[in-house]
Structure formats: C-alpha cells, structure tokens
Amino acid sequence: MGLLMLTLVLSILLGCVTWLIIGDRFPLKSDYKWESRMNITLYVVILLAPIYLLIFYLF
C-alpha cells in the first residue's frame, strides 16, 4: 500500500512539474487546448506506470 501511495504522490508532483515545463499541449495537433487541470491529470496518468516500475525495481 505504501508503494502505491508513494507512486501516486511522486506522480502528482512530477506531473505538476512537467506541466510547468511543457505547458498545455493536449490534444496534439488541435487549435483548441484542454484546460490546465485536464493537462495536469493527463501528465500524472502518463507518469504513473514508469514511476511505479522504477520504485518497484529499486526497492
């Protein structure tokens, strides 16, 4: 359970940092862009699996 909580917290933090660096990019190749909250959520979801696997293999 702790592994999942650590993964979620790190994903949220890194998703916010990614949004600050990259910005509102989704949906790609469209003039209309989603609001910031949706972009941050998408970045968090994209980062969940890599962070989980990294933590799982390190610990």
PDB file of N, CA and C in Angstrom:
ATOM      1  N   MET A   1       0.820  -1.192   0.000  1.00  0.00           N
ATOM      2  CA  MET A   1       0.000   0.000   0.000  1.00  0.00           C
ATOM      3  C   MET A   1       0.865   1.258   0.000  1.00  0.00           C
ATOM      4  N   GLY A   2       1.966   1.190   0.738  1.00  0.00           N
ATOM      5  CA  GLY A   2       2.871   2.331   0.791  1.00  0.00           C
ATOM      6  C   GLY A   2       3.519   2.620  -0.553  1.00  0.00           C
ATOM      7  N   LEU A   3       3.790   1.546  -1.294  1.00  0.00           N
ATOM      8  CA  LEU A   3       4.382   1.709  -2.626  1.00  0.00           C
ATOM      9  C   LEU A   3       3.432   2.450  -3.560  1.00  0.00           C
ATOM     10  N   LEU A   4       2.162   2.134  -3.476  1.00  0.00           N
ATOM     11  CA  LEU A   4       1.167   2.808  -4.312  1.00  0.00           C
ATOM     12  C   LEU A   4       0.996   4.273  -3.915  1.00  0.00           C
ATOM     13  N   MET A   5       1.001   4.545  -2.622  1.00  0.00           N
ATOM     14  CA  MET A   5       0.865   5.928  -2.157  1.00  0.00           C
ATOM     15  C   MET A   5       2.083   6.765  -2.558  1.00  0.00           C
ATOM     16  N   LEU A   6       3.277   6.196  -2.412  1.00  0.00           N
ATOM     17  CA  LEU A   6       4.487   6.898  -2.819  1.00  0.00           C
ATOM     18  C   LEU A   6       4.474   7.165  -4.321  1.00  0.00           C
ATOM     19  N   THR A   7       4.035   6.188  -5.089  1.00  0.00           N
ATOM     20  CA  THR A   7       3.930   6.357  -6.537  1.00  0.00           C
ATOM     21  C   THR A   7       2.948   7.456  -6.891  1.00  0.00           C
ATOM     22  N   LEU A   8       1.807   7.480  -6.244  1.00  0.00           N
ATOM     23  CA  LEU A   8       0.795   8.488  -6.527  1.00  0.00           C
ATOM     24  C   LEU A   8       1.290   9.893  -6.181  1.00  0.00           C
ATOM     25  N   VAL A   9       1.919  10.037  -5.028  1.00  0.00           N
ATOM     26  CA  VAL A   9       2.421  11.349  -4.612  1.00  0.00           C
ATOM     27  C   VAL A   9       3.516  11.835  -5.559  1.00  0.00           C
ATOM     28  N   LEU A  10       4.450  10.954  -5.903  1.00  0.00           N
ATOM     29  CA  LEU A  10       5.515  11.353  -6.832  1.00  0.00           C
ATOM     30  C   LEU A  10       4.968  11.660  -8.217  1.00  0.00           C
ATOM     31  N   SER A  11       3.966  10.925  -8.659  1.00  0.00           N
ATOM     32  CA  SER A  11       3.363  11.184  -9.963  1.00  0.00           C
ATOM     33  C   SER A  11       2.671  12.540  -9.982  1.00  0.00           C
ATOM     34  N   ILE A  12       1.983  12.874  -8.914  1.00  0.00           N
ATOM     35  CA  ILE A  12       1.321  14.179  -8.831  1.00  0.00           C
ATOM     36  C   ILE A  12       2.359  15.301  -8.849  1.00  0.00           C
ATOM     37  N   LEU A  13       3.402  15.161  -8.060  1.00  0.00           N
ATOM     38  CA  LEU A  13       4.442  16.194  -8.029  1.00  0.00           C
ATOM     39  C   LEU A  13       5.146  16.333  -9.380  1.00  0.00           C
ATOM     40  N   LEU A  14       5.535  15.214  -9.971  1.00  0.00           N
ATOM     41  CA  LEU A  14       6.227  15.278 -11.260  1.00  0.00           C
ATOM     42  C   LEU A  14       5.287  15.687 -12.391  1.00  0.00           C
ATOM     43  N   GLY A  15       3.995  15.356 -12.280  1.00  0.00           N
ATOM     44  CA  GLY A  15       3.022  15.809 -13.265  1.00  0.00           C
ATOM     45  C   GLY A  15       2.869  17.316 -13.245  1.00  0.00           C
ATOM     46  N   CYS A  16       2.863  17.888 -12.059  1.00  0.00           N
ATOM     47  CA  CYS A  16       2.781  19.353 -11.944  1.00  0.00           C
ATOM     48  C   CYS A  16       4.043  20.021 -12.472  1.00  0.00           C
ATOM     49  N   VAL A  17       5.199  19.442 -12.171  1.00  0.00           N
ATOM     50  CA  VAL A  17       6.459  19.994 -12.680  1.00  0.00           C
ATOM     51  C   VAL A  17       6.508  19.879 -14.201  1.00  0.00           C
ATOM     52  N   THR A  18       6.059  18.758 -14.732  1.00  0.00           N
ATOM     53  CA  THR A  18       6.015  18.574 -16.183  1.00  0.00           C
ATOM     54  C   THR A  18       5.100  19.603 -16.823  1.00  0.00           C
ATOM     55  N   TRP A  19       3.967  19.858 -16.204  1.00  0.00           N
ATOM     56  CA  TRP A  19       3.049  20.862 -16.738  1.00  0.00           C
ATOM     57  C   TRP A  19       3.684  22.252 -16.718  1.00  0.00           C
ATOM     58  N   LEU A  20       4.435  22.557 -15.662  1.00  0.00           N
ATOM     59  CA  LEU A  20       5.113  23.853 -15.595  1.00  0.00           C
ATOM     60  C   LEU A  20       6.166  23.996 -16.689  1.00  0.00           C
ATOM     61  N   ILE A  21       6.835  22.895 -17.019  1.00  0.00           N
ATOM     62  CA  ILE A  21       7.891  22.944 -18.039  1.00  0.00           C
ATOM     63  C   ILE A  21       7.304  22.910 -19.444  1.00  0.00           C
ATOM     64  N   ILE A  22       6.408  21.962 -19.701  1.00  0.00           N
ATOM     65  CA  ILE A  22       5.879  21.756 -21.058  1.00  0.00           C
ATOM     66  C   ILE A  22       4.663  22.630 -21.330  1.00  0.00           C
ATOM     67  N   GLY A  23       3.763  22.704 -20.387  1.00  0.00           N
ATOM     68  CA  GLY A  23       2.573  23.531 -20.561  1.00  0.00           C
ATOM     69  C   GLY A  23       1.391  22.768 -21.139  1.00  0.00           C
ATOM     70  N   ASP A  24       0.424  23.508 -21.642  1.00  0.00           N
ATOM     71  CA  ASP A  24      -0.801  22.925 -22.192  1.00  0.00           C
ATOM     72  C   ASP A  24      -0.559  22.484 -23.630  1.00  0.00           C
ATOM     73  N   ARG A  25      -0.347  21.212 -23.834  1.00  0.00           N
ATOM     74  CA  ARG A  25      -0.050  20.684 -25.170  1.00  0.00           C
ATOM     75  C   ARG A  25      -1.143  19.764 -25.717  1.00  0.00           C
ATOM     76  N   PHE A  26      -2.039  19.301 -24.873  1.00  0.00           N
ATOM     77  CA  PHE A  26      -3.019  18.297 -25.314  1.00  0.00           C
ATOM     78  C   PHE A  26      -4.359  18.934 -25.609  1.00  0.00           C
ATOM     79  N   PRO A  27      -5.116  18.493 -26.545  1.00  0.00           N
ATOM     80  CA  PRO A  27      -4.820  17.452 -27.535  1.00  0.00           C
ATOM     81  C   PRO A  27      -3.851  17.967 -28.587  1.00  0.00           C
ATOM     82  N   LEU A  28      -3.008  17.070 -29.040  1.00  0.00           N
ATOM     83  CA  LEU A  28      -1.991  17.417 -30.030  1.00  0.00           C
ATOM     84  C   LEU A  28      -2.638  17.728 -31.371  1.00  0.00           C
ATOM     85  N   LYS A  29      -2.006  18.598 -32.122  1.00  0.00           N
ATOM     86  CA  LYS A  29      -2.439  18.980 -33.476  1.00  0.00           C
ATOM     87  C   LYS A  29      -3.860  19.532 -33.510  1.00  0.00           C
ATOM     88  N   SER A  30      -4.228  20.285 -32.497  1.00  0.00           N
ATOM     89  CA  SER A  30      -5.544  20.899 -32.435  1.00  0.00           C
ATOM     90  C   SER A  30      -5.386  22.345 -31.973  1.00  0.00           C
ATOM     91  N   ASP A  31      -6.214  23.211 -32.534  1.00  0.00           N
ATOM     92  CA  ASP A  31      -6.168  24.612 -32.108  1.00  0.00           C
ATOM     93  C   ASP A  31      -6.768  24.789 -30.719  1.00  0.00           C
ATOM     94  N   TYR A  32      -7.776  23.978 -30.406  1.00  0.00           N
ATOM     95  CA  TYR A  32      -8.405  24.045 -29.088  1.00  0.00           C
ATOM     96  C   TYR A  32      -7.604  23.195 -28.112  1.00  0.00           C
ATOM     97  N   LYS A  33      -7.197  23.760 -27.006  1.00  0.00           N
ATOM     98  CA  LYS A  33      -6.446  23.033 -25.986  1.00  0.00           C
ATOM     99  C   LYS A  33      -7.306  22.868 -24.750  1.00  0.00           C
ATOM    100  N   TRP A  34      -7.119  21.732 -24.058  1.00  0.00           N
ATOM    101  CA  TRP A  34      -7.860  21.474 -22.832  1.00  0.00           C
ATOM    102  C   TRP A  34      -7.407  22.448 -21.749  1.00  0.00           C
ATOM    103  N   GLU A  35      -8.216  22.530 -20.705  1.00  0.00           N
ATOM    104  CA  GLU A  35      -7.843  23.402 -19.592  1.00  0.00           C
ATOM    105  C   GLU A  35      -6.660  22.805 -18.828  1.00  0.00           C
ATOM    106  N   SER A  36      -6.035  23.592 -18.005  1.00  0.00           N
ATOM    107  CA  SER A  36      -4.816  23.191 -17.297  1.00  0.00           C
ATOM    108  C   SER A  36      -5.031  21.977 -16.404  1.00  0.00           C
ATOM    109  N   ARG A  37      -6.167  21.914 -15.736  1.00  0.00           N
ATOM    110  CA  ARG A  37      -6.441  20.795 -14.832  1.00  0.00           C
ATOM    111  C   ARG A  37      -6.447  19.470 -15.577  1.00  0.00           C
ATOM    112  N   MET A  38      -7.009  19.450 -16.766  1.00  0.00           N
ATOM    113  CA  MET A  38      -7.051  18.221 -17.566  1.00  0.00           C
ATOM    114  C   MET A  38      -5.657  17.839 -18.057  1.00  0.00           C
ATOM    115  N   ASN A  39      -4.849  18.821 -18.434  1.00  0.00           N
ATOM    116  CA  ASN A  39      -3.479  18.543 -18.857  1.00  0.00           C
ATOM    117  C   ASN A  39      -2.643  17.987 -17.712  1.00  0.00           C
ATOM    118  N   ILE A  40      -2.761  18.554 -16.532  1.00  0.00           N
ATOM    119  CA  ILE A  40      -2.023  18.048 -15.372  1.00  0.00           C
ATOM    120  C   ILE A  40      -2.447  16.623 -15.061  1.00  0.00           C
ATOM    121  N   THR A  41      -3.739  16.343 -15.110  1.00  0.00           N
ATOM    122  CA  THR A  41      -4.232  14.990 -14.858  1.00  0.00           C
ATOM    123  C   THR A  41      -3.668  14.006 -15.874  1.00  0.00           C
ATOM    124  N   LEU A  42      -3.610  14.403 -17.116  1.00  0.00           N
ATOM    125  CA  LEU A  42      -3.060  13.532 -18.157  1.00  0.00           C
ATOM    126  C   LEU A  42      -1.572  13.284 -17.929  1.00  0.00           C
ATOM    127  N   TYR A  43      -0.815  14.300 -17.547  1.00  0.00           N
ATOM    128  CA  TYR A  43       0.605  14.115 -17.248  1.00  0.00           C
ATOM    129  C   TYR A  43       0.789  13.159 -16.066  1.00  0.00           C
ATOM    130  N   VAL A  44      -0.041  13.284 -15.044  1.00  0.00           N
ATOM    131  CA  VAL A  44       0.046  12.391 -13.881  1.00  0.00           C
ATOM    132  C   VAL A  44      -0.233  10.953 -14.294  1.00  0.00           C
ATOM    133  N   VAL A  45      -1.261  10.744 -15.102  1.00  0.00           N
ATOM    134  CA  VAL A  45      -1.609   9.390 -15.544  1.00  0.00           C
ATOM    135  C   VAL A  45      -0.493   8.803 -16.405  1.00  0.00           C
ATOM    136  N   ILE A  46       0.103   9.610 -17.258  1.00  0.00           N
ATOM    137  CA  ILE A  46       1.197   9.131 -18.098  1.00  0.00           C
ATOM    138  C   ILE A  46       2.405   8.728 -17.248  1.00  0.00           C
ATOM    139  N   LEU A  47       2.654   9.435 -16.155  1.00  0.00           N
ATOM    140  CA  LEU A  47       3.822   9.167 -15.322  1.00  0.00           C
ATOM    141  C   LEU A  47       3.600   8.053 -14.294  1.00  0.00           C
ATOM    142  N   LEU A  48       2.375   7.606 -14.071  1.00  0.00           N
ATOM    143  CA  LEU A  48       2.115   6.603 -13.039  1.00  0.00           C
ATOM    144  C   LEU A  48       2.881   5.307 -13.274  1.00  0.00           C
ATOM    145  N   ALA A  49       2.773   4.715 -14.433  1.00  0.00           N
ATOM    146  CA  ALA A  49       3.405   3.423 -14.693  1.00  0.00           C
ATOM    147  C   ALA A  49       4.932   3.486 -14.635  1.00  0.00           C
ATOM    148  N   PRO A  50       5.586   4.451 -15.295  1.00  0.00           N
ATOM    149  CA  PRO A  50       7.057   4.475 -15.200  1.00  0.00           C
ATOM    150  C   PRO A  50       7.573   4.684 -13.779  1.00  0.00           C
ATOM    151  N   ILE A  51       6.911   5.543 -13.022  1.00  0.00           N
ATOM    152  CA  ILE A  51       7.351   5.783 -11.645  1.00  0.00           C
ATOM    153  C   ILE A  51       7.122   4.551 -10.783  1.00  0.00           C
ATOM    154  N   TYR A  52       5.985   3.890 -10.959  1.00  0.00           N
ATOM    155  CA  TYR A  52       5.701   2.669 -10.196  1.00  0.00           C
ATOM    156  C   TYR A  52       6.753   1.599 -10.500  1.00  0.00           C
ATOM    157  N   LEU A  53       7.045   1.391 -11.764  1.00  0.00           N
ATOM    158  CA  LEU A  53       8.029   0.374 -12.131  1.00  0.00           C
ATOM    159  C   LEU A  53       9.418   0.730 -11.621  1.00  0.00           C
ATOM    160  N   LEU A  54       9.777   1.998 -11.673  1.00  0.00           N
ATOM    161  CA  LEU A  54      11.075   2.424 -11.171  1.00  0.00           C
ATOM    162  C   LEU A  54      11.185   2.184  -9.667  1.00  0.00           C
ATOM    163  N   ILE A  55      10.199   2.566  -8.917  1.00  0.00           N
ATOM    164  CA  ILE A  55      10.213   2.364  -7.469  1.00  0.00           C
ATOM    165  C   ILE A  55      10.164   0.870  -7.131  1.00  0.00           C
ATOM    166  N   PHE A  56       9.357   0.114  -7.860  1.00  0.00           N
ATOM    167  CA  PHE A  56       9.222  -1.322  -7.604  1.00  0.00           C
ATOM    168  C   PHE A  56      10.549  -2.040  -7.797  1.00  0.00           C
ATOM    169  N   TYR A  57      11.291  -1.690  -8.839  1.00  0.00           N
ATOM    170  CA  TYR A  57      12.557  -2.358  -9.089  1.00  0.00           C
ATOM    171  C   TYR A  57      13.679  -1.851  -8.210  1.00  0.00           C
ATOM    172  N   LEU A  58      13.594  -0.610  -7.715  1.00  0.00           N
ATOM    173  CA  LEU A  58      14.618  -0.092  -6.839  1.00  0.00           C
ATOM    174  C   LEU A  58      14.495  -0.615  -5.407  1.00  0.00           C
ATOM    175  N   PHE A  59      13.268  -0.801  -4.939  1.00  0.00           N
ATOM    176  CA  PHE A  59      13.050  -1.250  -3.578  1.00  0.00           C
ATOM    177  C   PHE A  59      12.584  -2.663  -3.587  1.00  0.00           C
TER     178      PHE A  59
END
